[in-house]
Amino acid sequence: MSVIKSYRWLDKPQIEQAAHNLLQKMEDTPNAPKWPYVADRAANFLKLNIAWTSIPCEADTPVFARIYPTQRLIELNEDLPMLQDNAGLEQSTLGHEIGHWMLHINQDEAHGITKQTELNFGDATVSQPFLCRSVNPDNAPWVRLSTQAESVEWQAQYFSSCLLMPKHKLLEVKRGRNLTNYRHLQAMKEELGVSFANLKHRLKDLGWIREVRGSRQLYLGINIPTDPE
């Protein structure tokens, strides 16, 4: 059996459930979910090591991180100031690699025994380690994702969003706040330890906010939940 799972289609509810299951397993352990920096706690829970190192570009594209499954090692690119200086981006990138670990890696095989090989996702070849390039969260799996490799990257990024910003935590931090107010969103961003762009995208994806193209004005979405009494 390969360290890398065969490609399979995963929709948003399946990915969200996988992130939810991980957070549940972390409860009542020394690495119980706490925000900000929940991705670090998830990595500790999964016994994944984290290291900063220099990672060369691939096809002139910066590589943010990579994961070596058989070494249980996630490497973050120390050559990217944007990654070192932006804790929210660092958490998103780490969550992305954890997404690969949870969704795409046969964890029982990842013990340094199975040889690291190449796996062909359709017409694109993905080599271990998984390489995390810049991923546009606005890309749903049916939008401009022409290869299975691109779909795998989208899955990992969506997992990261669900891990860092699960619905129950969003409900907690939104209490008493106006989601159309940028200052309130900034406060939520700090509590969650995410980037502003990722928070806004997550809220849009859930239908809690919406915006008009070309405008910074935010509006409440049709799925906005009410605060409990």
C-alpha atoms as a PDB file:
ATOM      1  CA  MET A   1       0.000   0.000   0.000  1.00  0.00           C
ATOM      2  CA  SER A   2       1.281   3.458  -0.882  1.00  0.00           C
ATOM      3  CA  VAL A   3       1.878   6.132   1.723  1.00  0.00           C
ATOM      4  CA  ILE A   4      -0.296   8.375  -0.442  1.00  0.00           C
ATOM      5  CA  LYS A   5      -3.968   7.514  -0.788  1.00  0.00           C
ATOM      6  CA  SER A   6      -5.482   7.133  -4.227  1.00  0.00           C
ATOM      7  CA  TYR A   7      -7.260  10.274  -5.362  1.00  0.00           C
ATOM      8  CA  ARG A   8     -10.894  10.607  -4.376  1.00  0.00           C
ATOM      9  CA  TRP A   9     -13.431  13.360  -4.617  1.00  0.00           C
ATOM     10  CA  LEU A  10     -14.203  15.035  -1.293  1.00  0.00           C
ATOM     11  CA  ASP A  11     -16.937  17.642  -0.922  1.00  0.00           C
ATOM     12  CA  LYS A  12     -17.122  20.428   1.635  1.00  0.00           C
ATOM     13  CA  PRO A  13     -19.248  18.566   4.223  1.00  0.00           C
ATOM     14  CA  GLN A  14     -16.857  15.594   4.169  1.00  0.00           C
ATOM     15  CA  ILE A  15     -13.820  17.823   4.664  1.00  0.00           C
ATOM     16  CA  GLU A  16     -15.511  19.848   7.402  1.00  0.00           C
ATOM     17  CA  GLN A  17     -16.437  16.628   9.193  1.00  0.00           C
ATOM     18  CA  ALA A  18     -12.820  15.430   9.026  1.00  0.00           C
ATOM     19  CA  ALA A  19     -11.627  18.667  10.657  1.00  0.00           C
ATOM     20  CA  HIS A  20     -14.392  18.424  13.266  1.00  0.00           C
ATOM     21  CA  ASN A  21     -13.407  14.834  14.076  1.00  0.00           C
ATOM     22  CA  LEU A  22      -9.790  15.867  14.631  1.00  0.00           C
ATOM     23  CA  LEU A  23     -10.792  18.683  16.985  1.00  0.00           C
ATOM     24  CA  GLN A  24     -13.019  16.270  18.909  1.00  0.00           C
ATOM     25  CA  LYS A  25     -10.184  13.758  19.294  1.00  0.00           C
ATOM     26  CA  MET A  26      -7.982  16.525  20.668  1.00  0.00           C
ATOM     27  CA  GLU A  27     -10.437  17.245  23.485  1.00  0.00           C
ATOM     28  CA  ASP A  28      -9.438  15.962  26.928  1.00  0.00           C
ATOM     29  CA  THR A  29      -5.789  15.712  25.886  1.00  0.00           C
ATOM     30  CA  PRO A  30      -2.820  17.972  26.693  1.00  0.00           C
ATOM     31  CA  ASN A  31      -3.328  19.432  23.211  1.00  0.00           C
ATOM     32  CA  ALA A  32      -7.013  20.274  23.567  1.00  0.00           C
ATOM     33  CA  PRO A  33      -8.101  22.889  21.006  1.00  0.00           C
ATOM     34  CA  LYS A  34      -7.285  26.451  22.050  1.00  0.00           C
ATOM     35  CA  TRP A  35      -7.209  29.579  19.950  1.00  0.00           C
ATOM     36  CA  PRO A  36      -5.144  31.212  18.586  1.00  0.00           C
ATOM     37  CA  TYR A  37      -2.521  28.769  17.234  1.00  0.00           C
ATOM     38  CA  VAL A  38      -4.824  25.751  17.149  1.00  0.00           C
ATOM     39  CA  ALA A  39      -2.858  24.372  14.176  1.00  0.00           C
ATOM     40  CA  ASP A  40       0.244  24.035  16.360  1.00  0.00           C
ATOM     41  CA  ARG A  41      -1.763  22.094  18.919  1.00  0.00           C
ATOM     42  CA  ALA A  42      -3.165  19.846  16.192  1.00  0.00           C
ATOM     43  CA  ALA A  43       0.341  19.129  14.899  1.00  0.00           C
ATOM     44  CA  ASN A  44       1.497  18.271  18.432  1.00  0.00           C
ATOM     45  CA  PHE A  45      -1.510  15.998  18.924  1.00  0.00           C
ATOM     46  CA  LEU A  46      -0.726  14.176  15.664  1.00  0.00           C
ATOM     47  CA  LYS A  47       2.966  13.948  16.609  1.00  0.00           C
ATOM     48  CA  LEU A  48       3.986  15.902  13.529  1.00  0.00           C
ATOM     49  CA  ASN A  49       7.258  17.779  13.884  1.00  0.00           C
ATOM     50  CA  ILE A  50       7.597  21.338  12.542  1.00  0.00           C
ATOM     51  CA  ALA A  51      10.811  22.880  11.240  1.00  0.00           C
ATOM     52  CA  TRP A  52      11.742  26.079   9.421  1.00  0.00           C
ATOM     53  CA  THR A  53      14.108  25.579   6.499  1.00  0.00           C
ATOM     54  CA  SER A  54      15.009  26.970   3.084  1.00  0.00           C
ATOM     55  CA  ILE A  55      12.780  25.516   0.360  1.00  0.00           C
ATOM     56  CA  PRO A  56      13.579  26.263  -3.297  1.00  0.00           C
ATOM     57  CA  CYS A  57      10.943  27.425  -5.758  1.00  0.00           C
ATOM     58  CA  GLU A  58       9.186  24.922  -7.986  1.00  0.00           C
ATOM     59  CA  ALA A  59       8.662  26.100 -11.574  1.00  0.00           C
ATOM     60  CA  ASP A  60       9.379  29.681 -10.427  1.00  0.00           C
ATOM     61  CA  THR A  61       6.592  29.419  -7.845  1.00  0.00           C
ATOM     62  CA  PRO A  62       7.343  29.910  -4.126  1.00  0.00           C
ATOM     63  CA  VAL A  63       6.767  26.824  -1.993  1.00  0.00           C
ATOM     64  CA  PHE A  64       5.308  27.767   1.389  1.00  0.00           C
ATOM     65  CA  ALA A  65       5.726  24.384   3.036  1.00  0.00           C
ATOM     66  CA  ARG A  66       6.108  20.670   2.478  1.00  0.00           C
ATOM     67  CA  ILE A  67       5.337  17.516   4.424  1.00  0.00           C
ATOM     68  CA  TYR A  68       7.438  14.366   4.588  1.00  0.00           C
ATOM     69  CA  PRO A  69       4.898  11.685   5.578  1.00  0.00           C
ATOM     70  CA  THR A  70       7.320   8.925   6.577  1.00  0.00           C
ATOM     71  CA  GLN A  71       9.307  11.353   8.728  1.00  0.00           C
ATOM     72  CA  ARG A  72       6.183  12.940  10.213  1.00  0.00           C
ATOM     73  CA  LEU A  73       7.822  16.250   9.373  1.00  0.00           C
ATOM     74  CA  ILE A  74       6.334  19.541   8.185  1.00  0.00           C
ATOM     75  CA  GLU A  75       8.824  22.080   6.879  1.00  0.00           C
ATOM     76  CA  LEU A  76       7.929  25.770   6.569  1.00  0.00           C
ATOM     77  CA  ASN A  77       9.871  28.003   4.183  1.00  0.00           C
ATOM     78  CA  GLU A  78      12.124  30.363   6.126  1.00  0.00           C
ATOM     79  CA  ASP A  79      12.918  32.275   2.916  1.00  0.00           C
ATOM     80  CA  LEU A  80       9.438  33.838   2.767  1.00  0.00           C
ATOM     81  CA  PRO A  81       9.167  36.934   5.023  1.00  0.00           C
ATOM     82  CA  MET A  82       5.405  36.992   4.452  1.00  0.00           C
ATOM     83  CA  LEU A  83       5.198  33.580   6.109  1.00  0.00           C
ATOM     84  CA  GLN A  84       7.523  34.420   8.994  1.00  0.00           C
ATOM     85  CA  ASP A  85       5.885  37.786   9.713  1.00  0.00           C
ATOM     86  CA  ASN A  86       2.216  36.803   9.355  1.00  0.00           C
ATOM     87  CA  ALA A  87       1.054  34.425  12.090  1.00  0.00           C
ATOM     88  CA  GLY A  88      -2.304  33.968  10.386  1.00  0.00           C
ATOM     89  CA  LEU A  89      -0.673  32.883   7.131  1.00  0.00           C
ATOM     90  CA  GLU A  90       1.674  30.579   9.047  1.00  0.00           C
ATOM     91  CA  GLN A  91      -1.293  28.925  10.788  1.00  0.00           C
ATOM     92  CA  SER A  92      -3.148  28.552   7.492  1.00  0.00           C
ATOM     93  CA  THR A  93      -0.095  26.971   5.863  1.00  0.00           C
ATOM     94  CA  LEU A  94       0.420  24.599   8.780  1.00  0.00           C
ATOM     95  CA  GLY A  95      -3.277  23.705   8.701  1.00  0.00           C
ATOM     96  CA  HIS A  96      -2.933  23.009   4.976  1.00  0.00           C
ATOM     97  CA  GLU A  97      -0.175  20.457   5.597  1.00  0.00           C
ATOM     98  CA  ILE A  98      -2.221  18.874   8.392  1.00  0.00           C
ATOM     99  CA  GLY A  99      -5.027  18.648   5.843  1.00  0.00           C
ATOM    100  CA  HIS A 100      -2.769  16.589   3.586  1.00  0.00           C
ATOM    101  CA  TRP A 101      -1.896  14.358   6.540  1.00  0.00           C
ATOM    102  CA  MET A 102      -5.540  13.769   7.454  1.00  0.00           C
ATOM    103  CA  LEU A 103      -7.032  13.495   3.968  1.00  0.00           C
ATOM    104  CA  HIS A 104      -4.359  12.201   1.623  1.00  0.00           C
ATOM    105  CA  ILE A 105      -1.844  10.137   3.587  1.00  0.00           C
ATOM    106  CA  ASN A 106      -2.185   6.537   4.754  1.00  0.00           C
ATOM    107  CA  GLN A 107      -1.044   7.230   8.284  1.00  0.00           C
ATOM    108  CA  ASP A 108      -0.566   3.542   9.137  1.00  0.00           C
ATOM    109  CA  GLU A 109       1.994   3.335   6.327  1.00  0.00           C
ATOM    110  CA  ALA A 110       3.832   6.531   7.233  1.00  0.00           C
ATOM    111  CA  HIS A 111       6.387   5.065   9.603  1.00  0.00           C
ATOM    112  CA  GLY A 112       9.556   5.444   7.566  1.00  0.00           C
ATOM    113  CA  ILE A 113       9.275   1.947   6.104  1.00  0.00           C
ATOM    114  CA  THR A 114       7.461   2.490   2.835  1.00  0.00           C
ATOM    115  CA  LYS A 115       9.630   4.017   0.125  1.00  0.00           C
ATOM    116  CA  GLN A 116       8.607   7.518  -0.872  1.00  0.00           C
ATOM    117  CA  THR A 117       7.446   7.293  -4.472  1.00  0.00           C
ATOM    118  CA  GLU A 118       5.622   9.436  -6.974  1.00  0.00           C
ATOM    119  CA  LEU A 119       1.877   9.330  -7.327  1.00  0.00           C
ATOM    120  CA  ASN A 120       0.155  10.429 -10.516  1.00  0.00           C
ATOM    121  CA  PHE A 121      -3.025  12.451  -9.958  1.00  0.00           C
ATOM    122  CA  GLY A 122      -4.561  12.363 -13.417  1.00  0.00           C
ATOM    123  CA  ASP A 123      -2.338  14.292 -15.811  1.00  0.00           C
ATOM    124  CA  ALA A 124      -0.250  15.881 -13.043  1.00  0.00           C
ATOM    125  CA  THR A 125       2.493  14.114 -11.127  1.00  0.00           C
ATOM    126  CA  VAL A 126       2.686  14.903  -7.424  1.00  0.00           C
ATOM    127  CA  SER A 127       5.859  13.801  -5.652  1.00  0.00           C
ATOM    128  CA  GLN A 128       6.284  13.265  -1.990  1.00  0.00           C
ATOM    129  CA  PRO A 129       6.787  15.441  -0.095  1.00  0.00           C
ATOM    130  CA  PHE A 130       3.587  17.356  -0.702  1.00  0.00           C
ATOM    131  CA  LEU A 131       4.493  20.916  -1.647  1.00  0.00           C
ATOM    132  CA  CYS A 132       2.238  23.755  -0.526  1.00  0.00           C
ATOM    133  CA  ARG A 133       2.212  26.637  -2.973  1.00  0.00           C
ATOM    134  CA  SER A 134      -0.029  29.669  -2.761  1.00  0.00           C
ATOM    135  CA  VAL A 135      -3.647  28.447  -2.829  1.00  0.00           C
ATOM    136  CA  ASN A 136      -6.560  30.707  -3.704  1.00  0.00           C
ATOM    137  CA  PRO A 137      -9.335  29.905  -1.198  1.00  0.00           C
ATOM    138  CA  ASP A 138     -11.906  31.338  -3.597  1.00  0.00           C
ATOM    139  CA  ASN A 139     -11.367  28.352  -5.897  1.00  0.00           C
ATOM    140  CA  ALA A 140     -14.066  25.792  -5.268  1.00  0.00           C
ATOM    141  CA  PRO A 141     -13.173  22.299  -6.545  1.00  0.00           C
ATOM    142  CA  TRP A 142     -15.234  22.815  -9.684  1.00  0.00           C
ATOM    143  CA  VAL A 143     -13.730  26.223 -10.518  1.00  0.00           C
ATOM    144  CA  ARG A 144     -10.553  26.223 -12.629  1.00  0.00           C
ATOM    145  CA  LEU A 145      -9.255  23.047 -10.982  1.00  0.00           C
ATOM    146  CA  SER A 146      -8.271  21.217 -14.138  1.00  0.00           C
ATOM    147  CA  THR A 147      -6.276  18.413 -12.508  1.00  0.00           C
ATOM    148  CA  GLN A 148      -6.689  16.063  -9.599  1.00  0.00           C
ATOM    149  CA  ALA A 149      -3.554  17.587  -8.087  1.00  0.00           C
ATOM    150  CA  GLU A 150      -5.249  20.994  -7.950  1.00  0.00           C
ATOM    151  CA  SER A 151      -8.306  19.402  -6.343  1.00  0.00           C
ATOM    152  CA  VAL A 152      -6.089  17.793  -3.691  1.00  0.00           C
ATOM    153  CA  GLU A 153      -4.576  21.202  -2.898  1.00  0.00           C
ATOM    154  CA  TRP A 154      -8.032  22.751  -2.618  1.00  0.00           C
ATOM    155  CA  GLN A 155      -9.131  19.972  -0.262  1.00  0.00           C
ATOM    156  CA  ALA A 156      -6.147  20.597   2.023  1.00  0.00           C
ATOM    157  CA  GLN A 157      -6.797  24.339   2.060  1.00  0.00           C
ATOM    158  CA  TYR A 158     -10.491  23.901   2.840  1.00  0.00           C
ATOM    159  CA  PHE A 159      -9.554  21.536   5.672  1.00  0.00           C
ATOM    160  CA  SER A 160      -7.255  24.231   7.044  1.00  0.00           C
ATOM    161  CA  SER A 161     -10.094  26.761   7.013  1.00  0.00           C
ATOM    162  CA  CYS A 162     -12.419  24.361   8.845  1.00  0.00           C
ATOM    163  CA  LEU A 163      -9.737  23.475  11.397  1.00  0.00           C
ATOM    164  CA  LEU A 164      -8.807  27.071  12.205  1.00  0.00           C
ATOM    165  CA  MET A 165     -12.361  28.425  12.038  1.00  0.00           C
ATOM    166  CA  PRO A 166     -14.887  25.713  12.967  1.00  0.00           C
ATOM    167  CA  LYS A 167     -18.477  26.895  13.087  1.00  0.00           C
ATOM    168  CA  HIS A 168     -18.803  26.541  16.856  1.00  0.00           C
ATOM    169  CA  LYS A 169     -15.747  28.747  17.406  1.00  0.00           C
ATOM    170  CA  LEU A 170     -16.972  31.327  14.911  1.00  0.00           C
ATOM    171  CA  LEU A 171     -20.292  31.469  16.754  1.00  0.00           C
ATOM    172  CA  GLU A 172     -18.392  32.106  19.971  1.00  0.00           C
ATOM    173  CA  VAL A 173     -16.193  34.922  18.672  1.00  0.00           C
ATOM    174  CA  LYS A 174     -18.986  36.635  16.707  1.00  0.00           C
ATOM    175  CA  ARG A 175     -21.188  37.052  19.776  1.00  0.00           C
ATOM    176  CA  GLY A 176     -21.986  40.726  20.250  1.00  0.00           C
ATOM    177  CA  ARG A 177     -20.144  41.717  17.086  1.00  0.00           C
ATOM    178  CA  ASN A 178     -21.239  43.128  13.754  1.00  0.00           C
ATOM    179  CA  LEU A 179     -19.833  41.064  10.880  1.00  0.00           C
ATOM    180  CA  THR A 180     -20.089  44.042   8.519  1.00  0.00           C
ATOM    181  CA  ASN A 181     -17.786  46.103  10.753  1.00  0.00           C
ATOM    182  CA  TYR A 182     -14.121  45.789   9.797  1.00  0.00           C
ATOM    183  CA  ARG A 183     -12.941  46.595  13.318  1.00  0.00           C
ATOM    184  CA  HIS A 184     -15.076  43.782  14.711  1.00  0.00           C
ATOM    185  CA  LEU A 185     -13.698  41.400  12.095  1.00  0.00           C
ATOM    186  CA  GLN A 186     -10.177  42.479  12.990  1.00  0.00           C
ATOM    187  CA  ALA A 187     -10.848  41.580  16.628  1.00  0.00           C
ATOM    188  CA  MET A 188     -12.212  38.187  15.574  1.00  0.00           C
ATOM    189  CA  LYS A 189      -9.133  37.623  13.418  1.00  0.00           C
ATOM    190  CA  GLU A 190      -6.860  38.220  16.401  1.00  0.00           C
ATOM    191  CA  GLU A 191      -8.819  35.846  18.637  1.00  0.00           C
ATOM    192  CA  LEU A 192      -8.766  33.095  16.026  1.00  0.00           C
ATOM    193  CA  GLY A 193      -5.161  33.638  14.951  1.00  0.00           C
ATOM    194  CA  VAL A 194      -5.972  33.690  11.239  1.00  0.00           C
ATOM    195  CA  SER A 195      -5.405  36.097   8.382  1.00  0.00           C
ATOM    196  CA  PHE A 196      -8.060  38.700   7.632  1.00  0.00           C
ATOM    197  CA  ALA A 197      -8.459  37.386   4.079  1.00  0.00           C
ATOM    198  CA  ASN A 198      -9.068  33.828   5.277  1.00  0.00           C
ATOM    199  CA  LEU A 199     -11.582  34.958   7.897  1.00  0.00           C
ATOM    200  CA  LYS A 200     -13.531  36.990   5.375  1.00  0.00           C
ATOM    201  CA  HIS A 201     -13.523  34.132   2.886  1.00  0.00           C
ATOM    202  CA  ARG A 202     -14.727  31.652   5.511  1.00  0.00           C
ATOM    203  CA  LEU A 203     -17.607  33.917   6.515  1.00  0.00           C
ATOM    204  CA  LYS A 204     -18.550  34.415   2.865  1.00  0.00           C
ATOM    205  CA  ASP A 205     -18.371  30.679   2.214  1.00  0.00           C
ATOM    206  CA  LEU A 206     -20.739  30.018   5.125  1.00  0.00           C
ATOM    207  CA  GLY A 207     -23.144  32.656   3.815  1.00  0.00           C
ATOM    208  CA  TRP A 208     -22.736  34.815   6.917  1.00  0.00           C
ATOM    209  CA  ILE A 209     -21.544  37.848   4.949  1.00  0.00           C
ATOM    210  CA  ARG A 210     -21.511  38.968   1.334  1.00  0.00           C
ATOM    211  CA  GLU A 211     -19.893  41.788  -0.588  1.00  0.00           C
ATOM    212  CA  VAL A 212     -20.407  43.495  -3.915  1.00  0.00           C
ATOM    213  CA  ARG A 213     -17.583  43.074  -6.390  1.00  0.00           C
ATOM    214  CA  GLY A 214     -15.415  46.170  -6.521  1.00  0.00           C
ATOM    215  CA  SER A 215     -16.655  47.450  -3.160  1.00  0.00           C
ATOM    216  CA  ARG A 216     -15.313  47.056   0.373  1.00  0.00           C
ATOM    217  CA  GLN A 217     -18.814  47.319   1.806  1.00  0.00           C
ATOM    218  CA  LEU A 218     -19.894  44.157   3.613  1.00  0.00           C
ATOM    219  CA  TYR A 219     -23.488  42.972   4.042  1.00  0.00           C
ATOM    220  CA  LEU A 220     -24.987  40.279   6.225  1.00  0.00           C
ATOM    221  CA  GLY A 221     -25.558  37.021   4.359  1.00  0.00           C
ATOM    222  CA  ILE A 222     -28.697  34.936   4.182  1.00  0.00           C
ATOM    223  CA  ASN A 223     -27.291  32.262   6.519  1.00  0.00           C
ATOM    224  CA  ILE A 224     -26.178  34.585   9.319  1.00  0.00           C
ATOM    225  CA  PRO A 225     -26.951  32.895  12.667  1.00  0.00           C
ATOM    226  CA  THR A 226     -28.409  34.859  15.545  1.00  0.00           C
ATOM    227  CA  ASP A 227     -26.577  35.133  18.847  1.00  0.00           C
ATOM    228  CA  PRO A 228     -28.061  32.941  21.589  1.00  0.00           C
ATOM    229  CA  GLU A 229     -29.862  34.735  24.381  1.00  0.00           C
END
